Amino acid sequence: MSASPEVAEAVSALNAAGVLTDEEAARPGRVARGDLVSVRAELRAVLYLGVLLLVSGVGLFLKENVDRIGPSAIAGAVGLAASACLAWAWRKAAPPSWGEAASAHAAFDYVLLLGALLAAADLAWVEAQTRLLGPAWPLHLLVVAVFYGALAYRFDSRMLLSLALASFAAWRGLALSVAHASLGPGDVVRLRWEALATGALFAAAGIVTARAGKKAHFEDVWVNAGVLLVFGGLLSGVFGSELDWVVWLVALLAVAAAVAAASYRWKRTLPFAQAVLAAYLGVLRAVFEGAEGGDAAFRLLLAALLGCAALVAVVLAHRRMRIL
């Protein structure tokens, strides 16, 4: 954190006036002067990367030694490791609550994540070995999504909620692709509508649960995932349709304007940025439609200028939202 002389002077003044004791003024004063620097973000990044590397390393080791160890032994060992991580998280976790819970340990979220990933990997391994679900194998992604979601709400983990929503979306996509592979191009249309419906469901669930006071701080995760899927579906229509792409572009711009206005009002930077980016990408279809010869150079310049305008809009809106 950079130094803030104004805050440092204010803390000193409050201390001199007796509003803050020496002990109460010590920490904020050090932060304001830049003497105390937070490395929380760096530690979180290192721990997250460590979990991913550990899971990847376990997967590679088991793949190379499956014949020597045996499928059953692998399933049991991974299951035990996952159970140990989740049991540790259970002991360290705060009591269940619909509010935001303080983390009981610096590594809590990452041990929980490791346990959840190992459990999902173990389920996938068992399914691959037994073919229990047969052609309906994408259902295991639904099971994983429910499992991640339950852990997210029990242990107050935004990270696991994100994985739960991603697994649910992957289940819908894979289930449709596997079940309708023979339909050819028809799959794309169905997938597009699935993305739109799933995105709308996520956004609505986040808003409704937040208004009901049920893990209200999860609203951003739900809404951001939903907005991403909705814009993905709309952009698929813009770039994937030959005849009605203009209709999809109009729909995209209308939704982007609505999301940007709501995000600006409620000070949500990420949905605002997604809306601006989606609108920019959609407009590119109109900019380059039928481009040829020397005309293409002008359109490239126009696309670059529009990109700069979009970036400036996001930066200015972000600053304004911080002030409001």
Protein backbone atom coordinates (compact mmCIF):
# COMPACT_ATOMS: atom_id res chain seq x y z
CA MET A 1 0.00 0.00 0.00
CA SER A 2 1.37 3.46 -0.94
CA ALA A 3 1.84 6.19 1.64
CA SER A 4 -1.01 8.60 2.33
CA PRO A 5 0.31 11.76 4.05
CA GLU A 6 -3.18 13.20 4.56
CA VAL A 7 -4.35 10.12 6.43
CA ALA A 8 -1.13 10.02 8.45
CA GLU A 9 -1.66 13.65 9.51
CA ALA A 10 -5.30 12.93 10.40
CA VAL A 11 -4.28 9.97 12.57
CA SER A 12 -1.63 12.09 14.31
CA ALA A 13 -4.17 14.85 14.92
CA LEU A 14 -6.69 12.43 16.40
CA ASN A 15 -3.96 10.98 18.59
CA ALA A 16 -2.92 14.44 19.77
CA ALA A 17 -6.53 15.34 20.51
CA GLY A 18 -6.92 12.24 22.62
CA VAL A 19 -9.51 10.63 20.35
CA LEU A 20 -7.11 7.77 19.62
CA THR A 21 -4.70 6.28 22.14
CA ASP A 22 -1.07 5.66 21.17
CA GLU A 23 -1.83 1.98 20.74
CA GLU A 24 -4.91 2.62 18.58
CA ALA A 25 -3.06 5.10 16.39
CA ALA A 26 0.07 2.99 15.92
CA ARG A 27 -1.17 0.55 13.27
CA PRO A 28 -3.21 2.94 11.05
CA GLY A 29 -0.37 5.43 11.31
CA ARG A 30 2.16 2.89 10.04
CA VAL A 31 -0.15 1.93 7.18
CA ALA A 32 -0.76 5.56 6.20
CA ARG A 33 2.99 6.30 6.23
CA GLY A 34 3.69 3.27 4.07
CA ASP A 35 5.71 1.51 6.79
CA LEU A 36 3.31 -1.45 6.88
CA VAL A 37 2.79 -3.18 3.55
CA SER A 38 0.16 -5.88 3.00
CA VAL A 39 1.22 -9.02 1.12
CA ARG A 40 -2.17 -10.68 1.47
CA ALA A 41 -2.84 -10.71 -2.26
CA GLU A 42 0.57 -12.19 -3.02
CA LEU A 43 0.15 -14.89 -0.37
CA ARG A 44 -3.30 -15.80 -1.70
CA ALA A 45 -1.92 -16.05 -5.24
CA VAL A 46 0.97 -18.28 -4.10
CA LEU A 47 -1.35 -20.55 -2.09
CA TYR A 48 -3.81 -20.84 -4.97
CA LEU A 49 -1.01 -21.66 -7.42
CA GLY A 50 0.37 -24.17 -4.93
CA VAL A 51 -2.97 -25.98 -4.72
CA LEU A 52 -3.25 -26.16 -8.52
CA LEU A 53 0.33 -27.42 -8.88
CA LEU A 54 -0.20 -30.00 -6.15
CA VAL A 55 -3.39 -31.34 -7.75
CA SER A 56 -1.71 -31.41 -11.18
CA GLY A 57 1.32 -33.18 -9.75
CA VAL A 58 -0.84 -35.80 -8.05
CA GLY A 59 -2.70 -36.39 -11.30
CA LEU A 60 0.49 -36.84 -13.32
CA PHE A 61 2.00 -39.15 -10.71
CA LEU A 62 -1.06 -41.37 -10.62
CA LYS A 63 -1.29 -41.44 -14.42
CA GLU A 64 2.30 -42.63 -14.70
CA ASN A 65 1.94 -45.24 -11.94
CA VAL A 66 -1.60 -46.52 -12.40
CA ASP A 67 -0.48 -49.99 -13.48
CA ARG A 68 1.84 -50.38 -10.52
CA ILE A 69 -0.46 -48.91 -7.86
CA GLY A 70 -3.82 -50.16 -9.14
CA PRO A 71 -7.11 -48.27 -9.72
CA SER A 72 -8.66 -49.21 -6.39
CA ALA A 73 -5.63 -48.13 -4.39
CA ILE A 74 -5.55 -44.82 -6.27
CA ALA A 75 -9.23 -44.16 -5.61
CA GLY A 76 -8.79 -44.98 -1.93
CA ALA A 77 -5.65 -42.86 -1.51
CA VAL A 78 -7.13 -39.79 -3.22
CA GLY A 79 -10.36 -40.23 -1.26
CA LEU A 80 -8.45 -40.36 2.02
CA ALA A 81 -6.45 -37.25 1.15
CA ALA A 82 -9.64 -35.39 0.22
CA SER A 83 -11.35 -36.53 3.43
CA ALA A 84 -8.37 -35.38 5.53
CA CYS A 85 -8.46 -31.90 3.98
CA LEU A 86 -12.22 -31.56 4.39
CA ALA A 87 -12.11 -32.88 7.96
CA TRP A 88 -9.46 -30.29 8.84
CA ALA A 89 -11.60 -27.56 7.27
CA TRP A 90 -14.63 -28.77 9.22
CA ARG A 91 -12.74 -28.53 12.53
CA LYS A 92 -11.40 -25.05 11.76
CA ALA A 93 -14.58 -23.60 10.25
CA ALA A 94 -16.81 -21.07 11.96
CA PRO A 95 -20.35 -22.23 12.86
CA PRO A 96 -22.81 -22.24 9.94
CA SER A 97 -24.27 -18.81 9.24
CA TRP A 98 -26.12 -16.96 6.46
CA GLY A 99 -23.78 -14.02 7.03
CA GLU A 100 -20.14 -13.59 6.09
CA ALA A 101 -17.79 -15.66 8.25
CA ALA A 102 -14.25 -14.65 9.13
CA SER A 103 -11.57 -17.08 7.99
CA ALA A 104 -10.24 -19.11 10.92
CA HIS A 105 -6.83 -19.75 9.33
CA ALA A 106 -4.70 -18.14 6.62
CA ALA A 107 -4.63 -21.38 4.61
CA PHE A 108 -8.24 -22.36 5.32
CA ASP A 109 -9.67 -21.57 1.88
CA TYR A 110 -6.86 -23.36 0.13
CA VAL A 111 -6.96 -26.55 2.17
CA LEU A 112 -10.72 -26.56 1.59
CA LEU A 113 -10.14 -26.02 -2.15
CA LEU A 114 -7.59 -28.83 -2.23
CA GLY A 115 -9.99 -31.21 -0.53
CA ALA A 116 -12.82 -30.29 -2.89
CA LEU A 117 -10.65 -30.68 -6.00
CA LEU A 118 -9.29 -34.03 -4.83
CA ALA A 119 -12.81 -35.28 -4.08
CA ALA A 120 -14.00 -34.25 -7.56
CA ALA A 121 -10.94 -35.84 -9.15
CA ASP A 122 -11.59 -39.03 -7.21
CA LEU A 123 -15.19 -39.10 -8.45
CA ALA A 124 -14.03 -38.58 -12.04
CA TRP A 125 -11.47 -41.37 -11.65
CA VAL A 126 -14.03 -43.81 -10.31
CA GLU A 127 -16.43 -42.92 -13.13
CA ALA A 128 -13.70 -43.37 -15.74
CA GLN A 129 -12.83 -46.81 -14.36
CA THR A 130 -16.34 -48.15 -13.76
CA ARG A 131 -18.38 -46.38 -16.48
CA LEU A 132 -21.20 -46.40 -13.94
CA LEU A 133 -23.15 -43.62 -15.64
CA GLY A 134 -22.50 -44.86 -19.17
CA PRO A 135 -23.58 -42.35 -21.86
CA ALA A 136 -24.91 -40.07 -19.13
CA TRP A 137 -21.40 -39.50 -17.75
CA PRO A 138 -21.76 -35.66 -17.83
CA LEU A 139 -24.08 -36.08 -14.83
CA HIS A 140 -21.01 -36.38 -12.63
CA LEU A 141 -20.43 -32.66 -13.31
CA LEU A 142 -23.85 -31.93 -11.83
CA VAL A 143 -22.90 -33.98 -8.77
CA VAL A 144 -19.65 -32.03 -8.51
CA ALA A 145 -21.53 -28.72 -8.89
CA VAL A 146 -23.92 -29.62 -6.06
CA PHE A 147 -20.99 -30.82 -3.91
CA TYR A 148 -19.00 -27.62 -4.49
CA GLY A 149 -22.09 -25.50 -3.86
CA ALA A 150 -22.83 -27.25 -0.56
CA LEU A 151 -19.24 -26.73 0.59
CA ALA A 152 -19.32 -23.09 -0.55
CA TYR A 153 -22.37 -22.30 1.56
CA ARG A 154 -21.25 -24.36 4.55
CA PHE A 155 -17.72 -22.92 4.64
CA ASP A 156 -18.48 -19.48 3.18
CA SER A 157 -16.19 -19.86 0.17
CA ARG A 158 -16.63 -17.65 -2.89
CA MET A 159 -13.92 -19.67 -4.60
CA LEU A 160 -15.89 -22.91 -4.36
CA LEU A 161 -19.10 -21.17 -5.39
CA SER A 162 -17.34 -20.04 -8.57
CA LEU A 163 -16.27 -23.62 -9.24
CA ALA A 164 -19.81 -24.84 -8.55
CA LEU A 165 -21.30 -22.45 -11.09
CA ALA A 166 -18.63 -23.31 -13.66
CA SER A 167 -19.28 -27.04 -13.15
CA PHE A 168 -23.03 -26.53 -13.54
CA ALA A 169 -22.55 -24.60 -16.78
CA ALA A 170 -20.14 -27.27 -18.03
CA TRP A 171 -22.72 -29.96 -17.22
CA ARG A 172 -25.36 -28.21 -19.28
CA GLY A 173 -23.00 -27.75 -22.20
CA LEU A 174 -21.59 -31.27 -22.18
CA ALA A 175 -24.94 -32.93 -21.55
CA LEU A 176 -26.37 -31.17 -24.57
CA SER A 177 -23.38 -31.90 -26.77
CA VAL A 178 -23.27 -35.59 -25.87
CA ALA A 179 -27.02 -36.07 -26.17
CA HIS A 180 -27.42 -34.18 -29.46
CA ALA A 181 -24.10 -34.73 -31.21
CA SER A 182 -25.89 -35.96 -34.33
CA LEU A 183 -27.79 -32.69 -34.77
CA GLY A 184 -24.75 -30.89 -36.12
CA PRO A 185 -25.26 -27.11 -36.37
CA GLY A 186 -28.45 -27.40 -34.33
CA ASP A 187 -26.25 -27.98 -31.29
CA VAL A 188 -24.86 -24.47 -31.53
CA VAL A 189 -28.32 -22.93 -31.34
CA ARG A 190 -29.29 -25.09 -28.37
CA LEU A 191 -26.03 -24.30 -26.59
CA ARG A 192 -26.58 -20.59 -27.18
CA TRP A 193 -30.01 -20.69 -25.56
CA GLU A 194 -28.68 -22.86 -22.74
CA ALA A 195 -26.01 -20.22 -22.03
CA LEU A 196 -28.63 -17.45 -22.00
CA ALA A 197 -31.01 -19.39 -19.75
CA THR A 198 -28.28 -20.52 -17.35
CA GLY A 199 -26.82 -17.02 -17.15
CA ALA A 200 -30.21 -15.49 -16.40
CA LEU A 201 -30.80 -18.17 -13.75
CA PHE A 202 -27.46 -17.43 -12.06
CA ALA A 203 -28.04 -13.67 -12.01
CA ALA A 204 -31.58 -14.05 -10.69
CA ALA A 205 -30.46 -16.53 -8.00
CA GLY A 206 -27.76 -14.15 -6.81
CA ILE A 207 -30.11 -11.18 -6.59
CA VAL A 208 -32.93 -13.11 -4.92
CA THR A 209 -30.72 -14.80 -2.31
CA ALA A 210 -28.98 -11.52 -1.52
CA ARG A 211 -32.30 -9.74 -1.02
CA ALA A 212 -33.39 -12.58 1.25
CA GLY A 213 -30.23 -12.15 3.36
CA LYS A 214 -28.88 -15.60 2.49
CA LYS A 215 -25.13 -15.17 1.95
CA ALA A 216 -25.65 -11.71 0.46
CA HIS A 217 -21.91 -11.35 -0.12
CA PHE A 218 -22.15 -14.17 -2.69
CA GLU A 219 -24.25 -11.94 -4.95
CA ASP A 220 -21.24 -10.76 -6.98
CA VAL A 221 -20.18 -14.34 -7.75
CA TRP A 222 -23.64 -15.31 -8.95
CA VAL A 223 -24.21 -12.14 -10.96
CA ASN A 224 -20.76 -12.02 -12.56
CA ALA A 225 -21.05 -15.65 -13.68
CA GLY A 226 -24.55 -15.03 -15.00
CA VAL A 227 -23.59 -11.88 -16.90
CA LEU A 228 -20.61 -13.67 -18.44
CA LEU A 229 -22.81 -16.51 -19.72
CA VAL A 230 -25.50 -14.16 -21.05
CA PHE A 231 -22.99 -12.08 -22.98
CA GLY A 232 -21.32 -15.26 -24.23
CA GLY A 233 -24.65 -16.47 -25.60
CA LEU A 234 -25.45 -13.12 -27.20
CA LEU A 235 -22.01 -12.85 -28.79
CA SER A 236 -22.44 -16.37 -30.12
CA GLY A 237 -25.57 -15.14 -31.86
CA VAL A 238 -23.80 -12.07 -33.27
CA PHE A 239 -20.83 -13.99 -34.67
CA GLY A 240 -22.48 -17.36 -35.27
CA SER A 241 -25.56 -16.26 -37.20
CA GLU A 242 -25.34 -15.37 -40.88
CA LEU A 243 -28.90 -14.14 -41.45
CA ASP A 244 -30.12 -12.67 -38.17
CA TRP A 245 -26.88 -11.38 -36.65
CA VAL A 246 -28.24 -7.81 -36.63
CA VAL A 247 -31.09 -8.92 -34.37
CA TRP A 248 -28.60 -10.51 -32.00
CA LEU A 249 -26.45 -7.37 -32.09
CA VAL A 250 -29.41 -5.17 -31.15
CA ALA A 251 -30.26 -7.55 -28.30
CA LEU A 252 -26.63 -7.55 -27.17
CA LEU A 253 -26.42 -3.75 -27.13
CA ALA A 254 -29.72 -3.46 -25.26
CA VAL A 255 -28.63 -5.96 -22.58
CA ALA A 256 -25.17 -4.36 -22.36
CA ALA A 257 -26.73 -0.93 -21.82
CA ALA A 258 -29.03 -2.28 -19.10
CA VAL A 259 -26.21 -4.14 -17.32
CA ALA A 260 -23.88 -1.11 -17.56
CA ALA A 261 -26.54 1.23 -16.13
CA ALA A 262 -27.38 -1.14 -13.25
CA SER A 263 -23.69 -1.80 -12.55
CA TYR A 264 -22.90 1.91 -12.47
CA ARG A 265 -25.78 2.56 -10.12
CA TRP A 266 -24.78 -0.24 -7.75
CA LYS A 267 -21.00 0.36 -8.12
CA ARG A 268 -20.17 -3.02 -9.65
CA THR A 269 -17.03 -2.60 -11.75
CA LEU A 270 -16.72 -6.10 -13.20
CA PRO A 271 -20.23 -6.37 -14.72
CA PHE A 272 -19.79 -2.85 -16.10
CA ALA A 273 -16.51 -3.84 -17.75
CA GLN A 274 -18.09 -7.03 -19.12
CA ALA A 275 -20.95 -4.99 -20.62
CA VAL A 276 -18.61 -2.52 -22.32
CA LEU A 277 -16.36 -5.29 -23.65
CA ALA A 278 -19.31 -7.34 -24.94
CA ALA A 279 -20.78 -4.29 -26.68
CA TYR A 280 -17.40 -3.50 -28.25
CA LEU A 281 -16.93 -7.07 -29.52
CA GLY A 282 -20.46 -7.11 -30.93
CA VAL A 283 -19.96 -3.79 -32.75
CA LEU A 284 -16.84 -5.24 -34.38
CA ARG A 285 -19.11 -7.55 -36.40
CA ALA A 286 -20.85 -4.49 -37.83
CA VAL A 287 -17.56 -2.66 -38.39
CA PHE A 288 -15.95 -5.46 -40.38
CA GLU A 289 -19.05 -6.80 -42.14
CA GLY A 290 -18.25 -6.82 -45.87
CA ALA A 291 -14.82 -5.18 -45.40
CA GLU A 292 -12.49 -5.50 -48.39
CA GLY A 293 -9.56 -3.74 -50.07
CA GLY A 294 -8.51 -0.30 -48.82
CA ASP A 295 -11.75 -0.02 -46.90
CA ALA A 296 -10.46 -2.64 -44.47
CA ALA A 297 -7.64 -0.35 -43.28
CA PHE A 298 -10.15 2.35 -42.30
CA ARG A 299 -12.25 -0.21 -40.45
CA LEU A 300 -9.19 -1.40 -38.53
CA LEU A 301 -8.53 2.18 -37.46
CA LEU A 302 -12.17 2.58 -36.44
CA ALA A 303 -12.00 -0.66 -34.42
CA ALA A 304 -8.86 0.57 -32.64
CA LEU A 305 -10.49 3.92 -31.82
CA LEU A 306 -13.60 2.16 -30.49
CA GLY A 307 -11.38 -0.09 -28.37
CA CYS A 308 -9.64 2.94 -26.87
CA ALA A 309 -13.02 4.55 -26.18
CA ALA A 310 -14.23 1.41 -24.44
CA LEU A 311 -11.11 1.28 -22.28
CA VAL A 312 -11.44 4.95 -21.33
CA ALA A 313 -15.12 4.41 -20.46
CA VAL A 314 -14.27 1.54 -18.13
CA VAL A 315 -11.45 3.46 -16.40
CA LEU A 316 -13.51 6.63 -15.94
CA ALA A 317 -16.54 4.70 -14.72
CA HIS A 318 -14.39 2.77 -12.25
CA ARG A 319 -12.97 5.98 -10.81
CA ARG A 320 -16.38 7.58 -10.64
CA MET A 321 -17.87 4.53 -8.90
CA ARG A 322 -15.14 4.71 -6.26
CA ILE A 323 -16.01 8.35 -5.54
CA LEU A 324 -19.81 7.98 -5.46
